[in-house]
Each structure stands twice: as structure tokens, then as C-alpha cells.
């Protein structure tokens, strides 16, 4: 069924979008992220990652309205508890980027909150090396740690 295919295809397209973004091919990344959303099952928890990926690529490509809408959709899924926890900080980072682009008045509070959440999760790891790696080697976590509100 196409549904089953989407469950496999959407994350693969998200990965590809992330790789393309890293290489600086923002137009292709944006296209892949849109394709991921087109094939993603509507109710799947994975849709939160798809929306956050779309927010990331759309923002990089200058499609701010699309980025804002996708970021909001991802944030709402996580607030409702349906997004996978391992993608939540990635989604939070996209939200911060959109808010910063918009010069949002509550950006400082959101940044502080995201940093608190990151450090709280790191604190749950008992091994110091793991903690350090979680904060510095996971790209979205490292980006949140050094995120400047201005």
C-alpha cells in the first residue's frame, strides 16, 4: 500500500533533505522535504519530523511562510505528545530559527526554554562522555547550545 511505502519513504527523504542542506543545495533539500510530506501518512508520529525537516529546508530556501506553518505544525504535534521524543529538539531548533527570523518578542524565553530542555535531557545520561557527546556532537543540540537570540 502507498501508506506503508510512505512510512519508509518519508524518513528516507528527510535524511536526504538533511544531507542536501548540509551540502548547501537548499533548493533540492526543499524539494525533498516537500516530497517527504507528500508521502508521509497523515497521522504518523513521523509527520512531526517531516514537518520540522520541511521547516528547516523552507527557511533555508527563503520560503518563510511555509517554514512558519511547518514549524508550527511540528511544535503542535510535540505539544500534543505525538512527536517522537528523539526529534523534539530538532523541531525546537527550527522553531527558534523561525522566531528569530520574525524578530518574535518571546524569542529569548523560547531560547532559554530550549537550552534548559537540552541540558535536562543531557543530565539524564549517567555517563559523562555520553552527556558531552549528546550536547556537542548531535548537530541540532550543539546549535541550540550556542543559539543566539539576536
Protein backbone atom coordinates (compact mmCIF):
# COMPACT_ATOMS: atom_id res chain seq x y z
CA UNK A 1 0.00 0.00 0.00
CA UNK A 2 1.16 3.58 -0.56
CA UNK A 3 0.72 4.11 3.19
CA UNK A 4 3.33 1.51 4.00
CA UNK A 5 5.59 2.96 1.33
CA UNK A 6 5.24 6.43 2.84
CA UNK A 7 6.27 5.15 6.25
CA UNK A 8 9.55 4.04 4.69
CA UNK A 9 9.94 6.76 2.07
CA UNK A 10 9.23 9.84 4.20
CA UNK A 11 12.13 9.32 6.67
CA UNK A 12 14.46 8.45 3.78
CA UNK A 13 13.52 11.69 2.06
CA UNK A 14 14.03 13.59 5.34
CA UNK A 15 17.53 12.15 5.59
CA UNK A 16 18.26 13.13 2.02
CA UNK A 17 16.91 16.66 2.63
CA UNK A 18 19.23 16.98 5.64
CA UNK A 19 22.25 15.84 3.58
CA UNK A 20 21.39 18.25 0.75
CA UNK A 21 21.02 21.11 3.25
CA UNK A 22 24.41 20.27 4.74
CA UNK A 23 25.90 20.45 1.24
CA UNK A 24 24.25 23.81 0.65
CA UNK A 25 21.84 22.58 -2.02
CA UNK A 26 18.84 24.32 -0.47
CA UNK A 27 16.52 24.13 -3.49
CA UNK A 28 16.91 20.35 -3.77
CA UNK A 29 16.60 19.97 0.01
CA UNK A 30 13.36 21.95 -0.04
CA UNK A 31 12.02 19.75 -2.86
CA UNK A 32 12.88 16.55 -0.94
CA UNK A 33 11.29 17.86 2.25
CA UNK A 34 8.10 18.70 0.32
CA UNK A 35 8.16 15.23 -1.22
CA UNK A 36 8.57 13.69 2.25
CA UNK A 37 5.47 15.50 3.45
CA UNK A 38 3.54 14.44 0.35
CA UNK A 39 4.17 10.74 1.05
CA UNK A 40 4.02 10.79 4.87
CA UNK A 41 0.98 9.13 6.46
CA UNK A 42 -1.17 11.94 7.87
CA UNK A 43 -1.40 10.67 11.43
CA UNK A 44 2.02 9.10 11.89
CA UNK A 45 4.29 10.37 14.69
CA UNK A 46 6.95 10.60 11.98
CA UNK A 47 4.98 13.50 10.47
CA UNK A 48 6.46 15.68 13.24
CA UNK A 49 9.97 15.01 11.88
CA UNK A 50 8.73 15.59 8.33
CA UNK A 51 7.23 18.97 9.28
CA UNK A 52 10.38 20.00 11.18
CA UNK A 53 12.53 18.97 8.20
CA UNK A 54 10.30 20.97 5.88
CA UNK A 55 10.58 23.97 8.21
CA UNK A 56 14.37 23.69 8.12
CA UNK A 57 14.61 23.41 4.33
CA UNK A 58 11.93 26.00 3.58
CA UNK A 59 13.60 28.53 5.88
CA UNK A 60 16.99 27.92 4.26
CA UNK A 61 15.34 28.40 0.86
CA UNK A 62 13.67 31.64 1.92
CA UNK A 63 10.12 30.26 1.94
CA UNK A 64 9.33 31.79 5.32
CA UNK A 65 5.53 31.33 5.31
CA UNK A 66 5.91 27.64 4.52
CA UNK A 67 8.64 27.30 7.16
CA UNK A 68 6.48 29.04 9.76
CA UNK A 69 3.48 26.80 9.04
CA UNK A 70 5.55 23.60 9.07
CA UNK A 71 7.34 24.62 12.26
CA UNK A 72 4.03 25.38 13.96
CA UNK A 73 2.61 22.01 12.84
CA UNK A 74 5.65 20.18 14.24
CA UNK A 75 5.52 22.13 17.53
CA UNK A 76 1.83 21.33 17.96
CA UNK A 77 2.47 17.62 17.44
CA UNK A 78 5.16 17.60 20.11
CA UNK A 79 2.98 19.61 22.49
CA UNK A 80 0.22 17.04 21.93
CA UNK A 81 2.71 14.28 22.75
CA UNK A 82 2.56 12.59 19.34
CA UNK A 83 6.02 13.50 18.02
CA UNK A 84 8.94 11.11 18.64
CA UNK A 85 10.97 12.46 21.55
CA UNK A 86 14.29 11.97 19.74
CA UNK A 87 13.25 14.55 17.12
CA UNK A 88 11.83 17.12 19.51
CA UNK A 89 15.00 19.20 19.94
CA UNK A 90 15.45 19.28 16.15
CA UNK A 91 11.91 20.66 15.86
CA UNK A 92 12.60 23.15 18.68
CA UNK A 93 15.65 24.44 16.79
CA UNK A 94 13.55 25.07 13.66
CA UNK A 95 11.01 26.92 15.79
CA UNK A 96 13.79 29.10 17.24
CA UNK A 97 15.09 29.86 13.74
CA UNK A 98 11.64 30.91 12.52
CA UNK A 99 11.05 33.05 15.63
CA UNK A 100 14.44 34.70 15.19
CA UNK A 101 13.70 35.40 11.52
CA UNK A 102 10.41 37.02 12.58
CA UNK A 103 12.02 39.04 15.38
CA UNK A 104 9.49 37.43 17.71
CA UNK A 105 9.18 39.17 21.12
CA UNK A 106 9.15 35.86 23.01
CA UNK A 107 12.27 34.51 21.31
CA UNK A 108 14.50 34.94 24.40
CA UNK A 109 12.11 32.89 26.53
CA UNK A 110 11.91 30.17 23.87
CA UNK A 111 15.70 30.02 23.56
CA UNK A 112 16.15 29.75 27.34
CA UNK A 113 13.49 27.05 27.46
CA UNK A 114 15.10 25.01 24.66
CA UNK A 115 18.53 25.24 26.34
CA UNK A 116 17.00 24.14 29.66
CA UNK A 117 15.32 21.17 27.97
CA UNK A 118 18.57 20.19 26.23
CA UNK A 119 20.57 20.30 29.47
CA UNK A 120 17.83 18.45 31.38
CA UNK A 121 17.97 15.64 28.83
CA UNK A 122 21.75 15.57 28.94
CA UNK A 123 21.61 15.35 32.74
CA UNK A 124 19.61 12.12 32.45
CA UNK A 125 22.60 10.44 30.83
CA UNK A 126 24.76 8.94 33.55
CA UNK A 127 27.97 8.70 31.55
CA UNK A 128 29.88 11.98 31.27
CA UNK A 129 31.24 11.15 27.83
CA UNK A 130 27.73 10.37 26.59
CA UNK A 131 26.45 13.65 28.04
CA UNK A 132 29.20 15.62 26.34
CA UNK A 133 28.57 13.82 23.04
CA UNK A 134 24.79 14.35 23.26
CA UNK A 135 25.26 18.10 23.69
CA UNK A 136 28.17 18.70 21.30
CA UNK A 137 28.01 16.02 18.60
CA UNK A 138 24.28 15.94 17.83
CA UNK A 139 24.07 18.85 15.36
CA UNK A 140 20.72 20.28 16.49
CA UNK A 141 21.74 20.06 20.16
CA UNK A 142 25.03 21.83 19.53
CA UNK A 143 23.14 24.52 17.58
CA UNK A 144 20.66 25.04 20.44
CA UNK A 145 23.50 25.29 22.94
CA UNK A 146 25.13 28.20 21.08
CA UNK A 147 21.88 29.70 19.73
CA UNK A 148 21.89 33.49 19.95
CA UNK A 149 18.56 35.26 20.15
CA UNK A 150 19.76 38.26 18.15
